[in-house]
Amino acid sequence: MIPTRKLGRTNHHATIFGLGGEGILRTSGYFKEAEQVIKKAVEAGVNYFDTAPAYQQSRDYLGKFLWNYAKRENVFLASKTHDRTYGGTLSLVENSLRRLNTDYLDLLQLHDLREKEDLNEIFSGNGAIHALEQLKNQGKVRFMGITGHHDPDILIEAIKRYDFDTILLCANAGDSHYLPFITTIIPEARKKGMGVIAMKVASQGHALSSIKMQEAFDFSLSQDVDLAIIGCKTPQEVEQNASLARNFKPLSKEELANIENKTCNFVAETNFFKKGMY
């Protein structure tokens, strides 16, 4: 079995490896290939699935195939909204529910927070936060979260403004070298009882020029996170990541430092998605 950790205040015990919305899911027209990845994830015991309207046909793949292999009550399904407005977010979520073939989302996240202007619009009178609250009251959304990999200050400001349930952030072995997220945001999120989900574990593969996938996975999961989502291109990648999760053992301070040191000369590769790097 893949080990689980309680996801913040949600009471869901998430597998430490969740299927990310990248990889084969972030494509269009690859239904056969996507089905095999989704099927393998369920067979491996994964119980956390990630998607977003921005991820091409990811929602269509999950809606068409996930419920063939998994019971709805056994799956924690997380989606996102990149729209900052009340009406736009309501429309996006209704579309997501239809395409995902479900009556509710376990988690709806405000997607890719980057600028102070994003927050000002979200929390305005016509902002997306009011849509999230309405959807939660209607039972169409169970929990509310935020995501970001651009600027840690923006995420810190967001969790000061509102009591979110979860945060999805980058947490990898090169994080400390440039605009760190792990040491700045996670402690603040934990003070508020938020669940913490790691992404960019291998920097979309770029970190693997300096470290092995096992080192990347073990480093991220040795931080104060509840799980890591990883996009997979093939069923073999799903099984490889599930195996890493099954064999995970927390790293010592010395082991963490050793892996971190290996990425010292690969700052851009491990942090290419952050503010000022592109």
Protein backbone atom coordinates (compact mmCIF):
# COMPACT_ATOMS: atom_id res chain seq x y z
CA MET A 1 0.00 0.00 0.00
CA ILE A 2 1.09 3.57 -0.65
CA PRO A 3 1.52 5.37 2.69
CA THR A 4 -0.99 8.08 3.50
CA ARG A 5 -0.93 11.35 5.41
CA LYS A 6 -3.84 13.40 6.65
CA LEU A 7 -4.42 16.35 4.34
CA GLY A 8 -4.67 19.26 6.74
CA ARG A 9 -8.14 19.68 8.23
CA THR A 10 -9.88 17.76 5.44
CA ASN A 11 -9.80 14.42 7.28
CA HIS A 12 -8.80 12.80 3.98
CA HIS A 13 -5.82 10.49 4.32
CA ALA A 14 -4.10 11.15 1.01
CA THR A 15 -1.63 8.81 -0.60
CA ILE A 16 1.74 10.55 -0.51
CA PHE A 17 1.88 10.23 -4.30
CA GLY A 18 -1.07 11.84 -6.07
CA LEU A 19 -1.64 11.81 -9.81
CA GLY A 20 -0.90 15.28 -11.14
CA GLY A 21 -2.72 16.94 -14.01
CA GLU A 22 0.42 17.21 -16.13
CA GLY A 23 1.98 14.40 -18.17
CA ILE A 24 -0.36 12.60 -20.54
CA LEU A 25 -3.37 14.24 -18.89
CA ARG A 26 -2.27 17.67 -20.12
CA THR A 27 -2.87 16.77 -23.76
CA SER A 28 -5.77 16.65 -26.19
CA GLY A 29 -6.94 13.60 -28.09
CA TYR A 30 -4.90 10.95 -26.25
CA PHE A 31 -7.84 9.15 -24.66
CA LYS A 32 -6.44 5.62 -24.93
CA GLU A 33 -3.11 6.60 -23.37
CA ALA A 34 -4.77 8.67 -20.65
CA GLU A 35 -7.06 5.81 -19.72
CA GLN A 36 -4.10 3.52 -19.12
CA VAL A 37 -2.42 6.06 -16.83
CA ILE A 38 -5.63 6.65 -14.85
CA LYS A 39 -6.32 2.92 -14.58
CA LYS A 40 -2.79 2.20 -13.36
CA ALA A 41 -3.01 4.96 -10.76
CA VAL A 42 -6.21 3.47 -9.30
CA GLU A 43 -4.72 -0.03 -9.37
CA ALA A 44 -1.61 1.26 -7.57
CA GLY A 45 -3.81 2.65 -4.80
CA VAL A 46 -3.54 6.37 -5.57
CA ASN A 47 -6.49 8.23 -4.02
CA TYR A 48 -5.68 11.88 -4.89
CA PHE A 49 -6.26 13.14 -8.44
CA ASP A 50 -5.42 16.63 -9.69
CA THR A 51 -6.81 18.54 -12.67
CA ALA A 52 -7.51 22.07 -13.91
CA PRO A 53 -9.40 23.80 -16.72
CA ALA A 54 -6.01 24.99 -18.01
CA TYR A 55 -4.81 21.40 -18.53
CA GLN A 56 -6.23 20.76 -22.00
CA GLN A 57 -8.44 17.62 -21.89
CA SER A 58 -7.40 16.46 -18.43
CA ARG A 59 -10.95 16.87 -17.08
CA ASP A 60 -12.42 14.95 -20.01
CA TYR A 61 -10.04 12.03 -19.49
CA LEU A 62 -10.79 11.79 -15.78
CA GLY A 63 -14.53 12.16 -16.26
CA LYS A 64 -14.62 9.47 -18.92
CA PHE A 65 -12.39 6.88 -17.25
CA LEU A 66 -11.80 7.46 -13.52
CA TRP A 67 -15.20 6.22 -12.38
CA ASN A 68 -14.79 3.01 -14.39
CA TYR A 69 -12.06 1.98 -11.98
CA ALA A 70 -12.70 3.87 -8.73
CA LYS A 71 -15.66 4.61 -6.50
CA ARG A 72 -16.36 8.31 -6.09
CA GLU A 73 -16.20 8.15 -2.29
CA ASN A 74 -12.69 6.65 -2.44
CA VAL A 75 -11.25 9.47 -4.55
CA PHE A 76 -10.17 12.96 -3.50
CA LEU A 77 -10.66 15.02 -6.65
CA ALA A 78 -8.98 18.43 -6.82
CA SER A 79 -9.55 21.02 -9.52
CA LYS A 80 -8.82 24.71 -9.96
CA THR A 81 -10.09 28.02 -11.27
CA HIS A 82 -7.82 30.49 -13.03
CA ASP A 83 -10.68 32.98 -13.34
CA ARG A 84 -10.50 35.75 -10.73
CA THR A 85 -14.18 36.77 -10.92
CA TYR A 86 -17.37 35.52 -9.28
CA GLY A 87 -19.28 34.78 -12.49
CA GLY A 88 -16.32 33.38 -14.37
CA THR A 89 -15.45 30.98 -11.58
CA LEU A 90 -19.04 29.74 -11.24
CA SER A 91 -19.11 29.06 -14.97
CA LEU A 92 -15.73 27.29 -14.93
CA VAL A 93 -16.73 25.04 -12.04
CA GLU A 94 -20.07 24.05 -13.58
CA ASN A 95 -18.19 23.14 -16.75
CA SER A 96 -15.64 21.16 -14.72
CA LEU A 97 -18.32 19.20 -12.86
CA ARG A 98 -19.96 18.26 -16.13
CA ARG A 99 -16.72 17.21 -17.79
CA LEU A 100 -15.49 15.35 -14.71
CA ASN A 101 -18.83 13.52 -14.48
CA THR A 102 -19.29 14.26 -10.79
CA ASP A 103 -21.64 16.25 -8.55
CA TYR A 104 -18.91 17.81 -6.42
CA LEU A 105 -15.22 18.61 -6.13
CA ASP A 106 -13.37 17.64 -3.01
CA LEU A 107 -11.08 20.63 -3.46
CA LEU A 108 -11.36 23.79 -5.54
CA GLN A 109 -8.20 25.87 -5.71
CA LEU A 110 -7.54 29.42 -6.88
CA HIS A 111 -4.99 28.62 -9.56
CA ASP A 112 -1.52 30.09 -10.05
CA LEU A 113 -1.56 33.20 -7.86
CA ARG A 114 1.18 35.50 -9.14
CA GLU A 115 0.56 39.19 -8.50
CA LYS A 116 -1.00 41.40 -5.86
CA GLU A 117 -3.56 42.33 -8.51
CA ASP A 118 -4.72 38.67 -8.56
CA LEU A 119 -5.51 38.87 -4.86
CA ASN A 120 -7.18 42.26 -5.10
CA GLU A 121 -9.51 40.99 -7.80
CA ILE A 122 -10.23 37.67 -6.06
CA PHE A 123 -11.18 39.43 -2.82
CA SER A 124 -13.12 42.27 -4.44
CA GLY A 125 -16.91 42.56 -4.30
CA ASN A 126 -17.20 40.63 -7.56
CA GLY A 127 -14.26 38.36 -6.83
CA ALA A 128 -13.81 34.61 -7.15
CA ILE A 129 -13.71 34.07 -3.38
CA HIS A 130 -17.47 34.67 -3.22
CA ALA A 131 -18.02 31.97 -5.85
CA LEU A 132 -15.94 29.51 -3.84
CA GLU A 133 -17.95 30.24 -0.71
CA GLN A 134 -21.24 29.85 -2.58
CA LEU A 135 -20.17 26.58 -4.16
CA LYS A 136 -19.11 25.26 -0.76
CA ASN A 137 -22.46 26.22 0.75
CA GLN A 138 -24.20 24.41 -2.11
CA GLY A 139 -22.19 21.23 -1.53
CA LYS A 140 -20.53 21.42 -4.94
CA VAL A 141 -17.13 22.06 -3.34
CA ARG A 142 -15.98 20.54 -0.05
CA PHE A 143 -12.73 22.43 0.56
CA MET A 144 -11.03 25.59 -0.71
CA GLY A 145 -7.37 26.11 -1.51
CA ILE A 146 -4.76 28.11 -3.40
CA THR A 147 -1.86 27.25 -5.71
CA GLY A 148 1.26 29.04 -6.83
CA HIS A 149 4.87 28.64 -7.91
CA HIS A 150 5.74 32.20 -8.95
CA ASP A 151 6.30 34.36 -5.87
CA PRO A 152 6.22 33.15 -2.25
CA ASP A 153 5.22 36.58 -0.97
CA ILE A 154 1.94 36.43 -2.89
CA LEU A 155 1.01 33.10 -1.32
CA ILE A 156 1.88 34.35 2.15
CA GLU A 157 -0.32 37.38 1.57
CA ALA A 158 -3.17 35.13 0.36
CA ILE A 159 -3.18 32.97 3.47
CA LYS A 160 -3.08 36.10 5.65
CA ARG A 161 -6.21 37.36 3.89
CA TYR A 162 -8.27 34.18 4.09
CA ASP A 163 -8.54 30.90 6.00
CA PHE A 164 -7.98 28.42 3.16
CA ASP A 165 -7.96 24.66 3.70
CA THR A 166 -4.96 23.76 1.51
CA ILE A 167 -2.03 25.15 -0.41
CA LEU A 168 -0.31 23.63 -3.45
CA LEU A 169 3.26 24.87 -3.86
CA CYS A 170 6.61 23.95 -5.34
CA ALA A 171 8.83 21.91 -3.05
CA ASN A 172 11.96 20.43 -4.56
CA ALA A 173 15.64 19.92 -3.88
CA GLY A 174 16.65 23.19 -5.54
CA ASP A 175 14.06 25.36 -3.80
CA SER A 176 16.44 26.89 -1.25
CA HIS A 177 18.73 28.36 -3.92
CA TYR A 178 16.23 30.93 -5.23
CA LEU A 179 13.03 32.50 -3.83
CA PRO A 180 12.43 29.60 -1.41
CA PHE A 181 8.89 28.36 -0.83
CA ILE A 182 9.58 25.52 1.61
CA THR A 183 11.05 27.58 4.44
CA THR A 184 8.85 30.66 3.98
CA ILE A 185 5.33 29.46 3.23
CA ILE A 186 4.95 26.01 4.74
CA PRO A 187 5.46 27.14 8.36
CA GLU A 188 2.86 29.88 7.91
CA ALA A 189 0.40 27.49 6.30
CA ARG A 190 0.84 24.96 9.10
CA LYS A 191 0.18 27.62 11.75
CA LYS A 192 -3.27 27.92 10.19
CA GLY A 193 -3.85 24.18 9.99
CA MET A 194 -3.68 24.07 6.21
CA GLY A 195 -2.94 20.97 4.20
CA VAL A 196 0.25 21.26 2.12
CA ILE A 197 0.58 19.66 -1.31
CA ALA A 198 3.94 19.59 -3.10
CA MET A 199 4.41 20.04 -6.83
CA LYS A 200 7.36 20.53 -9.18
CA VAL A 201 9.09 17.70 -7.30
CA ALA A 202 11.40 17.06 -10.25
CA SER A 203 10.85 20.45 -11.94
CA GLN A 204 9.05 18.74 -14.84
CA GLY A 205 12.09 16.51 -15.26
CA HIS A 206 14.68 19.31 -15.30
CA ALA A 207 15.96 18.43 -11.82
CA LEU A 208 16.90 14.97 -13.06
CA SER A 209 20.01 16.39 -14.70
CA SER A 210 21.47 16.68 -11.20
CA ILE A 211 19.65 14.13 -9.02
CA LYS A 212 17.77 10.85 -9.38
CA MET A 213 13.98 10.66 -9.25
CA GLN A 214 14.13 8.79 -5.95
CA GLU A 215 16.23 11.57 -4.44
CA ALA A 216 13.81 14.18 -5.79
CA PHE A 217 10.79 12.34 -4.40
CA ASP A 218 12.36 11.55 -1.03
CA PHE A 219 13.58 15.15 -0.61
CA SER A 220 10.12 16.62 -1.20
CA LEU A 221 8.30 14.08 0.95
CA SER A 222 10.79 14.64 3.78
CA GLN A 223 9.53 18.23 4.03
CA ASP A 224 6.45 19.17 6.05
CA VAL A 225 4.03 18.26 3.25
CA ASP A 226 1.07 15.89 3.11
CA LEU A 227 1.61 14.56 -0.41
CA ALA A 228 3.24 15.30 -3.74
CA ILE A 229 1.39 15.37 -7.04
CA ILE A 230 3.35 14.11 -10.05
CA GLY A 231 2.24 14.11 -13.66
CA CYS A 232 2.87 10.86 -15.51
CA LYS A 233 3.19 10.15 -19.23
CA THR A 234 2.85 6.36 -19.09
CA PRO A 235 1.55 3.58 -16.82
CA GLN A 236 5.19 2.68 -16.20
CA GLU A 237 5.84 6.14 -14.76
CA VAL A 238 2.81 5.74 -12.50
CA GLU A 239 4.15 2.44 -11.19
CA GLN A 240 7.64 3.87 -10.72
CA ASN A 241 6.30 6.75 -8.64
CA ALA A 242 4.00 4.44 -6.68
CA SER A 243 7.03 2.27 -5.93
CA LEU A 244 8.99 5.30 -4.71
CA ALA A 245 6.08 6.15 -2.44
CA ARG A 246 5.80 2.61 -1.06
CA ASN A 247 9.53 2.55 -0.27
CA PHE A 248 9.76 6.10 1.05
CA LYS A 249 11.75 6.69 4.22
CA PRO A 250 12.28 10.19 5.65
CA LEU A 251 15.76 11.52 4.96
CA SER A 252 18.17 12.67 7.64
CA LYS A 253 19.45 16.25 7.75
CA GLU A 254 22.73 15.05 6.26
CA GLU A 255 20.98 13.24 3.41
CA LEU A 256 18.81 16.27 2.69
CA ALA A 257 21.86 18.54 2.60
CA ASN A 258 23.68 16.15 0.27
CA ILE A 259 20.83 16.13 -2.25
CA GLU A 260 20.42 19.89 -1.98
CA ASN A 261 24.12 20.38 -2.67
CA LYS A 262 23.85 18.37 -5.88
CA THR A 263 21.48 21.01 -7.27
CA CYS A 264 23.70 24.03 -6.47
CA ASN A 265 24.83 24.39 -10.06
CA PHE A 266 21.35 23.77 -11.45
CA VAL A 267 19.43 26.70 -9.99
CA ALA A 268 17.66 27.62 -13.22
CA GLU A 269 16.75 24.01 -13.97
CA THR A 270 15.10 23.48 -10.59
CA ASN A 271 13.49 26.93 -10.29
CA PHE A 272 12.69 27.90 -13.89
CA PHE A 273 9.02 28.54 -13.05
CA LYS A 274 9.63 31.23 -10.41
CA LYS A 275 9.45 35.01 -10.63
CA GLY A 276 12.47 36.49 -12.40
CA MET A 277 13.56 33.20 -13.95
CA TYR A 278 11.62 33.59 -17.21
